[in-house]
C-alpha cells in the first residue's frame, strides 16, 4: 500500500509538465491571432477610401449611372 502512494505522488507533476506547455502554446496563439486581427482592422480604418465608403450611397450611384447609360443609349439609337 505504501508503494501505491509513492507511484501517484509524482503523477501530478508529470501531468502538469504536459498540460502547462500545451495550454501556454494555445494562449499564445490566441493572443497572436487577436493582435493580428486588431492590426488589420486598425490599418483598414486608417485608409481614407474605406472610411468614406457607404454601400447604400454607392448602390444608388451605380443605379443612377445605369439609368444615365440607358438614356444615352436610347438617344444614340433614336438619332
PDB file of N, CA and C in Angstrom:
ATOM      1  N   UNK A   1       0.807  -1.189   0.000  1.00  0.00           N
ATOM      2  CA  UNK A   1       0.000   0.000   0.000  1.00  0.00           C
ATOM      3  C   UNK A   1       0.862   1.270   0.000  1.00  0.00           C
ATOM      4  N   UNK A   2       1.936   1.266   0.714  1.00  0.00           N
ATOM      5  CA  UNK A   2       2.846   2.413   0.732  1.00  0.00           C
ATOM      6  C   UNK A   2       3.441   2.616  -0.656  1.00  0.00           C
ATOM      7  N   UNK A   3       3.720   1.540  -1.305  1.00  0.00           N
ATOM      8  CA  UNK A   3       4.278   1.597  -2.645  1.00  0.00           C
ATOM      9  C   UNK A   3       3.287   2.264  -3.608  1.00  0.00           C
ATOM     10  N   UNK A   4       2.024   2.004  -3.435  1.00  0.00           N
ATOM     11  CA  UNK A   4       0.981   2.560  -4.294  1.00  0.00           C
ATOM     12  C   UNK A   4       0.900   4.087  -4.136  1.00  0.00           C
ATOM     13  N   UNK A   5       1.047   4.614  -2.937  1.00  0.00           N
ATOM     14  CA  UNK A   5       1.027   6.056  -2.707  1.00  0.00           C
ATOM     15  C   UNK A   5       2.215   6.735  -3.358  1.00  0.00           C
ATOM     16  N   UNK A   6       3.349   6.123  -3.355  1.00  0.00           N
ATOM     17  CA  UNK A   6       4.550   6.728  -3.941  1.00  0.00           C
ATOM     18  C   UNK A   6       4.415   6.839  -5.462  1.00  0.00           C
ATOM     19  N   UNK A   7       3.761   5.912  -6.086  1.00  0.00           N
ATOM     20  CA  UNK A   7       3.604   5.966  -7.540  1.00  0.00           C
ATOM     21  C   UNK A   7       2.750   7.164  -7.948  1.00  0.00           C
ATOM     22  N   UNK A   8       1.733   7.483  -7.209  1.00  0.00           N
ATOM     23  CA  UNK A   8       0.815   8.556  -7.586  1.00  0.00           C
ATOM     24  C   UNK A   8       1.280   9.922  -7.098  1.00  0.00           C
ATOM     25  N   UNK A   9       2.259   9.962  -6.237  1.00  0.00           N
ATOM     26  CA  UNK A   9       2.691  11.232  -5.678  1.00  0.00           C
ATOM     27  C   UNK A   9       3.266  12.156  -6.750  1.00  0.00           C
ATOM     28  N   UNK A  10       3.994  11.657  -7.682  1.00  0.00           N
ATOM     29  CA  UNK A  10       4.607  12.489  -8.730  1.00  0.00           C
ATOM     30  C   UNK A  10       3.793  12.558 -10.006  1.00  0.00           C
ATOM     31  N   UNK A  11       2.641  11.907 -10.044  1.00  0.00           N
ATOM     32  CA  UNK A  11       1.867  11.883 -11.284  1.00  0.00           C
ATOM     33  C   UNK A  11       1.320  13.268 -11.633  1.00  0.00           C
ATOM     34  N   UNK A  12       1.008  14.093 -10.636  1.00  0.00           N
ATOM     35  CA  UNK A  12       0.514  15.438 -10.921  1.00  0.00           C
ATOM     36  C   UNK A  12       1.596  16.298 -11.565  1.00  0.00           C
ATOM     37  N   UNK A  13       2.819  16.091 -11.171  1.00  0.00           N
ATOM     38  CA  UNK A  13       3.930  16.837 -11.751  1.00  0.00           C
ATOM     39  C   UNK A  13       4.110  16.468 -13.217  1.00  0.00           C
ATOM     40  N   UNK A  14       4.027  15.206 -13.516  1.00  0.00           N
ATOM     41  CA  UNK A  14       4.172  14.757 -14.901  1.00  0.00           C
ATOM     42  C   UNK A  14       3.009  15.261 -15.756  1.00  0.00           C
ATOM     43  N   UNK A  15       1.797  15.179 -15.246  1.00  0.00           N
ATOM     44  CA  UNK A  15       0.645  15.674 -15.995  1.00  0.00           C
ATOM     45  C   UNK A  15       0.749  17.177 -16.217  1.00  0.00           C
ATOM     46  N   UNK A  16       1.174  17.909 -15.197  1.00  0.00           N
ATOM     47  CA  UNK A  16       1.323  19.360 -15.328  1.00  0.00           C
ATOM     48  C   UNK A  16       2.417  19.706 -16.324  1.00  0.00           C
ATOM     49  N   UNK A  17       3.463  18.913 -16.378  1.00  0.00           N
ATOM     50  CA  UNK A  17       4.552  19.195 -17.324  1.00  0.00           C
ATOM     51  C   UNK A  17       4.109  18.976 -18.767  1.00  0.00           C
ATOM     52  N   UNK A  18       3.028  18.260 -18.967  1.00  0.00           N
ATOM     53  CA  UNK A  18       2.473  18.090 -20.313  1.00  0.00           C
ATOM     54  C   UNK A  18       1.408  19.137 -20.581  1.00  0.00           C
ATOM     55  N   UNK A  19       0.525  19.376 -19.633  1.00  0.00           N
ATOM     56  CA  UNK A  19      -0.608  20.278 -19.848  1.00  0.00           C
ATOM     57  C   UNK A  19      -0.210  21.751 -19.893  1.00  0.00           C
ATOM     58  N   UNK A  20       0.697  22.172 -19.047  1.00  0.00           N
ATOM     59  CA  UNK A  20       1.056  23.587 -18.957  1.00  0.00           C
ATOM     60  C   UNK A  20       1.671  24.093 -20.270  1.00  0.00           C
ATOM     61  N   UNK A  21       2.642  23.426 -20.883  1.00  0.00           N
ATOM     62  CA  UNK A  21       3.171  23.937 -22.156  1.00  0.00           C
ATOM     63  C   UNK A  21       2.115  23.975 -23.270  1.00  0.00           C
ATOM     64  N   UNK A  22       1.252  22.971 -23.307  1.00  0.00           N
ATOM     65  CA  UNK A  22       0.196  22.970 -24.319  1.00  0.00           C
ATOM     66  C   UNK A  22      -0.756  24.141 -24.079  1.00  0.00           C
ATOM     67  N   UNK A  23      -1.122  24.361 -22.840  1.00  0.00           N
ATOM     68  CA  UNK A  23      -2.007  25.469 -22.503  1.00  0.00           C
ATOM     69  C   UNK A  23      -1.357  26.815 -22.825  1.00  0.00           C
ATOM     70  N   UNK A  24      -0.098  26.987 -22.484  1.00  0.00           N
ATOM     71  CA  UNK A  24       0.607  28.231 -22.804  1.00  0.00           C
ATOM     72  C   UNK A  24       0.721  28.446 -24.313  1.00  0.00           C
ATOM     73  N   UNK A  25       0.961  27.371 -25.054  1.00  0.00           N
ATOM     74  CA  UNK A  25       1.033  27.457 -26.516  1.00  0.00           C
ATOM     75  C   UNK A  25      -0.302  27.912 -27.094  1.00  0.00           C
ATOM     76  N   UNK A  26      -1.404  27.358 -26.605  1.00  0.00           N
ATOM     77  CA  UNK A  26      -2.723  27.749 -27.091  1.00  0.00           C
ATOM     78  C   UNK A  26      -3.038  29.207 -26.750  1.00  0.00           C
ATOM     79  N   UNK A  27      -2.714  29.623 -25.554  1.00  0.00           N
ATOM     80  CA  UNK A  27      -2.953  31.012 -25.153  1.00  0.00           C
ATOM     81  C   UNK A  27      -2.128  31.963 -26.016  1.00  0.00           C
ATOM     82  N   UNK A  28      -0.873  31.613 -26.269  1.00  0.00           N
ATOM     83  CA  UNK A  28      -0.010  32.461 -27.093  1.00  0.00           C
ATOM     84  C   UNK A  28      -0.555  32.564 -28.522  1.00  0.00           C
ATOM     85  N   UNK A  29      -1.047  31.466 -29.055  1.00  0.00           N
ATOM     86  CA  UNK A  29      -1.598  31.502 -30.415  1.00  0.00           C
ATOM     87  C   UNK A  29      -2.871  32.335 -30.480  1.00  0.00           C
ATOM     88  N   UNK A  30      -3.734  32.216 -29.493  1.00  0.00           N
ATOM     89  CA  UNK A  30      -4.965  33.010 -29.471  1.00  0.00           C
ATOM     90  C   UNK A  30      -4.619  34.496 -29.386  1.00  0.00           C
ATOM     91  N   UNK A  31      -3.670  34.856 -28.541  1.00  0.00           N
ATOM     92  CA  UNK A  31      -3.251  36.251 -28.431  1.00  0.00           C
ATOM     93  C   UNK A  31      -2.627  36.747 -29.735  1.00  0.00           C
ATOM     94  N   UNK A  32      -1.821  35.908 -30.374  1.00  0.00           N
ATOM     95  CA  UNK A  32      -1.188  36.296 -31.638  1.00  0.00           C
ATOM     96  C   UNK A  32      -2.223  36.555 -32.724  1.00  0.00           C
ATOM     97  N   UNK A  33      -3.204  35.687 -32.842  1.00  0.00           N
ATOM     98  CA  UNK A  33      -4.262  35.868 -33.841  1.00  0.00           C
ATOM     99  C   UNK A  33      -5.075  37.122 -33.525  1.00  0.00           C
ATOM    100  N   UNK A  34      -5.372  37.349 -32.263  1.00  0.00           N
ATOM    101  CA  UNK A  34      -6.112  38.538 -31.861  1.00  0.00           C
ATOM    102  C   UNK A  34      -5.362  39.818 -32.190  1.00  0.00           C
ATOM    103  N   UNK A  35      -4.071  39.835 -31.931  1.00  0.00           N
ATOM    104  CA  UNK A  35      -3.256  41.008 -32.242  1.00  0.00           C
ATOM    105  C   UNK A  35      -3.194  41.225 -33.744  1.00  0.00           C
ATOM    106  N   UNK A  36      -3.061  40.150 -34.498  1.00  0.00           N
ATOM    107  CA  UNK A  36      -3.031  40.251 -35.962  1.00  0.00           C
ATOM    108  C   UNK A  36      -4.329  40.853 -36.491  1.00  0.00           C
ATOM    109  N   UNK A  37      -5.477  40.375 -36.017  1.00  0.00           N
ATOM    110  CA  UNK A  37      -6.759  40.909 -36.473  1.00  0.00           C
ATOM    111  C   UNK A  37      -6.924  42.369 -36.050  1.00  0.00           C
ATOM    112  N   UNK A  38      -6.474  42.715 -34.854  1.00  0.00           N
ATOM    113  CA  UNK A  38      -6.550  44.090 -34.394  1.00  0.00           C
ATOM    114  C   UNK A  38      -5.745  45.006 -35.302  1.00  0.00           C
ATOM    115  N   UNK A  39      -4.521  44.600 -35.654  1.00  0.00           N
ATOM    116  CA  UNK A  39      -3.687  45.415 -36.527  1.00  0.00           C
ATOM    117  C   UNK A  39      -4.299  45.553 -37.916  1.00  0.00           C
ATOM    118  N   UNK A  40      -4.899  44.483 -38.414  1.00  0.00           N
ATOM    119  CA  UNK A  40      -5.534  44.538 -39.728  1.00  0.00           C
ATOM    120  C   UNK A  40      -6.719  45.510 -39.726  1.00  0.00           C
ATOM    121  N   UNK A  41      -7.520  45.475 -38.682  1.00  0.00           N
ATOM    122  CA  UNK A  41      -8.662  46.385 -38.581  1.00  0.00           C
ATOM    123  C   UNK A  41      -8.172  47.828 -38.450  1.00  0.00           C
ATOM    124  N   UNK A  42      -7.140  48.030 -37.668  1.00  0.00           N
ATOM    125  CA  UNK A  42      -6.602  49.383 -37.498  1.00  0.00           C
ATOM    126  C   UNK A  42      -6.053  49.920 -38.818  1.00  0.00           C
ATOM    127  N   UNK A  43      -5.349  49.090 -39.596  1.00  0.00           N
ATOM    128  CA  UNK A  43      -4.837  49.518 -40.892  1.00  0.00           C
ATOM    129  C   UNK A  43      -5.971  49.867 -41.857  1.00  0.00           C
ATOM    130  N   UNK A  44      -7.000  49.056 -41.854  1.00  0.00           N
ATOM    131  CA  UNK A  44      -8.122  49.325 -42.751  1.00  0.00           C
ATOM    132  C   UNK A  44      -8.886  50.574 -42.335  1.00  0.00           C
ATOM    133  N   UNK A  45      -8.971  50.853 -41.050  1.00  0.00           N
ATOM    134  CA  UNK A  45      -9.697  52.038 -40.606  1.00  0.00           C
ATOM    135  C   UNK A  45      -8.911  53.308 -40.909  1.00  0.00           C
ATOM    136  N   UNK A  46      -7.603  53.214 -41.050  1.00  0.00           N
ATOM    137  CA  UNK A  46      -6.786  54.374 -41.383  1.00  0.00           C
ATOM    138  C   UNK A  46      -6.848  54.712 -42.865  1.00  0.00           C
ATOM    139  N   UNK A  47      -7.311  53.800 -43.697  1.00  0.00           N
ATOM    140  CA  UNK A  47      -7.410  54.026 -45.130  1.00  0.00           C
ATOM    141  C   UNK A  47      -8.597  54.943 -45.409  1.00  0.00           C
ATOM    142  N   UNK A  48      -8.380  56.152 -45.967  1.00  0.00           N
ATOM    143  CA  UNK A  48      -9.488  57.093 -46.163  1.00  0.00           C
ATOM    144  C   UNK A  48     -10.510  56.612 -47.195  1.00  0.00           C
ATOM    145  N   UNK A  49     -10.097  55.799 -48.146  1.00  0.00           N
ATOM    146  CA  UNK A  49     -11.037  55.300 -49.144  1.00  0.00           C
ATOM    147  C   UNK A  49     -12.091  54.402 -48.502  1.00  0.00           C
ATOM    148  N   UNK A  50     -11.692  53.648 -47.536  1.00  0.00           N
ATOM    149  CA  UNK A  50     -12.617  52.739 -46.879  1.00  0.00           C
ATOM    150  C   UNK A  50     -13.493  53.497 -45.877  1.00  0.00           C
ATOM    151  N   UNK A  51     -12.957  54.556 -45.270  1.00  0.00           N
ATOM    152  CA  UNK A  51     -13.736  55.315 -44.300  1.00  0.00           C
ATOM    153  C   UNK A  51     -14.994  55.906 -44.923  1.00  0.00           C
ATOM    154  N   UNK A  52     -14.861  56.476 -46.123  1.00  0.00           N
ATOM    155  CA  UNK A  52     -15.996  57.168 -46.714  1.00  0.00           C
ATOM    156  C   UNK A  52     -16.832  56.228 -47.587  1.00  0.00           C
ATOM    157  N   UNK A  53     -16.555  54.976 -47.541  1.00  0.00           N
ATOM    158  CA  UNK A  53     -17.315  54.028 -48.336  1.00  0.00           C
ATOM    159  C   UNK A  53     -18.652  53.754 -47.667  1.00  0.00           C
ATOM    160  N   UNK A  54     -19.697  54.158 -48.349  1.00  0.00           N
ATOM    161  CA  UNK A  54     -21.039  53.910 -47.858  1.00  0.00           C
ATOM    162  C   UNK A  54     -21.735  53.045 -48.899  1.00  0.00           C
ATOM    163  N   UNK A  55     -22.049  51.837 -48.564  1.00  0.00           N
ATOM    164  CA  UNK A  55     -22.551  50.872 -49.531  1.00  0.00           C
ATOM    165  C   UNK A  55     -23.873  51.319 -50.136  1.00  0.00           C
ATOM    166  N   UNK A  56     -24.752  51.897 -49.335  1.00  0.00           N
ATOM    167  CA  UNK A  56     -26.051  52.324 -49.854  1.00  0.00           C
ATOM    168  C   UNK A  56     -25.861  53.452 -50.868  1.00  0.00           C
ATOM    169  N   UNK A  57     -25.014  54.434 -50.540  1.00  0.00           N
ATOM    170  CA  UNK A  57     -24.758  55.533 -51.478  1.00  0.00           C
ATOM    171  C   UNK A  57     -24.144  55.000 -52.771  1.00  0.00           C
ATOM    172  N   UNK A  58     -23.203  54.071 -52.641  1.00  0.00           N
ATOM    173  CA  UNK A  58     -22.587  53.501 -53.834  1.00  0.00           C
ATOM    174  C   UNK A  58     -23.618  52.768 -54.685  1.00  0.00           C
ATOM    175  N   UNK A  59     -24.530  52.066 -54.053  1.00  0.00           N
ATOM    176  CA  UNK A  59     -25.571  51.353 -54.793  1.00  0.00           C
ATOM    177  C   UNK A  59     -26.421  52.331 -55.586  1.00  0.00           C
ATOM    178  N   UNK A  60     -26.842  53.417 -54.942  1.00  0.00           N
ATOM    179  CA  UNK A  60     -27.657  54.414 -55.645  1.00  0.00           C
ATOM    180  C   UNK A  60     -26.864  55.099 -56.755  1.00  0.00           C
ATOM    181  N   UNK A  61     -25.599  55.347 -56.534  1.00  0.00           N
ATOM    182  CA  UNK A  61     -24.775  55.950 -57.586  1.00  0.00           C
ATOM    183  C   UNK A  61     -24.696  55.029 -58.801  1.00  0.00           C
ATOM    184  N   UNK A  62     -24.499  53.744 -58.570  1.00  0.00           N
ATOM    185  CA  UNK A  62     -24.455  52.803 -59.691  1.00  0.00           C
ATOM    186  C   UNK A  62     -25.800  52.721 -60.393  1.00  0.00           C
ATOM    187  N   UNK A  63     -26.861  52.793 -59.619  1.00  0.00           N
ATOM    188  CA  UNK A  63     -28.200  52.739 -60.202  1.00  0.00           C
ATOM    189  C   UNK A  63     -28.438  53.970 -61.081  1.00  0.00           C
ATOM    190  N   UNK A  64     -28.042  55.144 -60.608  1.00  0.00           N
ATOM    191  CA  UNK A  64     -28.191  56.377 -61.388  1.00  0.00           C
ATOM    192  C   UNK A  64     -27.327  56.301 -62.642  1.00  0.00           C
ATOM    193  N   UNK A  65     -26.109  55.778 -62.514  1.00  0.00           N
ATOM    194  CA  UNK A  65     -25.245  55.646 -63.683  1.00  0.00           C
ATOM    195  C   UNK A  65     -25.849  54.709 -64.730  1.00  0.00           C
ATOM    196  N   UNK A  66     -26.465  53.642 -64.288  1.00  0.00           N
ATOM    197  CA  UNK A  66     -27.128  52.726 -65.221  1.00  0.00           C
ATOM    198  C   UNK A  66     -28.282  53.414 -65.934  1.00  0.00           C
ATOM    199  N   UNK A  67     -29.045  54.233 -65.212  1.00  0.00           N
ATOM    200  CA  UNK A  67     -30.150  54.957 -65.832  1.00  0.00           C
ATOM    201  C   UNK A  67     -29.633  55.957 -66.858  1.00  0.00           C
ATOM    202  N   UNK A  68     -28.563  56.668 -66.532  1.00  0.00           N
ATOM    203  CA  UNK A  68     -27.972  57.623 -67.470  1.00  0.00           C
ATOM    204  C   UNK A  68     -27.449  56.890 -68.695  1.00  0.00           C
ATOM    205  N   UNK A  69     -26.818  55.755 -68.481  1.00  0.00           N
ATOM    206  CA  UNK A  69     -26.291  54.952 -69.586  1.00  0.00           C
ATOM    207  C   UNK A  69     -27.417  54.519 -70.515  1.00  0.00           C
ATOM    208  N   UNK A  70     -28.534  54.105 -69.962  1.00  0.00           N
ATOM    209  CA  UNK A  70     -29.685  53.692 -70.768  1.00  0.00           C
ATOM    210  C   UNK A  70     -30.256  54.880 -71.552  1.00  0.00           C
ATOM    211  N   UNK A  71     -30.340  56.067 -70.923  1.00  0.00           N
ATOM    212  CA  UNK A  71     -30.840  57.255 -71.612  1.00  0.00           C
ATOM    213  C   UNK A  71     -29.942  57.636 -72.778  1.00  0.00           C
ATOM    214  N   UNK A  72     -28.640  57.579 -72.555  1.00  0.00           N
ATOM    215  CA  UNK A  72     -27.698  57.907 -73.629  1.00  0.00           C
ATOM    216  C   UNK A  72     -27.819  56.896 -74.760  1.00  0.00           C
ATOM    217  N   UNK A  73     -27.955  55.634 -74.410  1.00  0.00           N
ATOM    218  CA  UNK A  73     -28.100  54.590 -75.420  1.00  0.00           C
ATOM    219  C   UNK A  73     -29.357  54.812 -76.247  1.00  0.00           C
ATOM    220  N   UNK A  74     -30.456  55.187 -75.601  1.00  0.00           N
ATOM    221  CA  UNK A  74     -31.718  55.449 -76.305  1.00  0.00           C
ATOM    222  C   UNK A  74     -31.582  56.660 -77.229  1.00  0.00           C
ATOM    223  N   UNK A  75     -30.886  57.708 -76.765  1.00  0.00           N
ATOM    224  CA  UNK A  75     -30.686  58.896 -77.606  1.00  0.00           C
ATOM    225  C   UNK A  75     -29.842  58.575 -78.824  1.00  0.00           C
ATOM    226  N   UNK A  76     -28.837  57.747 -78.647  1.00  0.00           N
ATOM    227  CA  UNK A  76     -27.968  57.385 -79.775  1.00  0.00           C
ATOM    228  C   UNK A  76     -28.736  56.534 -80.775  1.00  0.00           C
ATOM    229  N   UNK A  77     -29.510  55.592 -80.287  1.00  0.00           N
ATOM    230  CA  UNK A  77     -30.279  54.724 -81.175  1.00  0.00           C
ATOM    231  C   UNK A  77     -31.437  55.496 -81.850  1.00  0.00           C
ATOM    232  N   UNK A  78     -31.982  56.502 -81.173  1.00  0.00           N
ATOM    233  CA  UNK A  78     -33.075  57.282 -81.704  1.00  0.00           C
ATOM    234  C   UNK A  78     -32.637  58.217 -82.813  1.00  0.00           C
ATOM    235  N   UNK A  79     -31.404  58.648 -82.826  1.00  0.00           N
ATOM    236  CA  UNK A  79     -30.913  59.592 -83.853  1.00  0.00           C
ATOM    237  C   UNK A  79     -30.566  58.930 -85.109  1.00  0.00           C
TER     238      UNK A  79
END
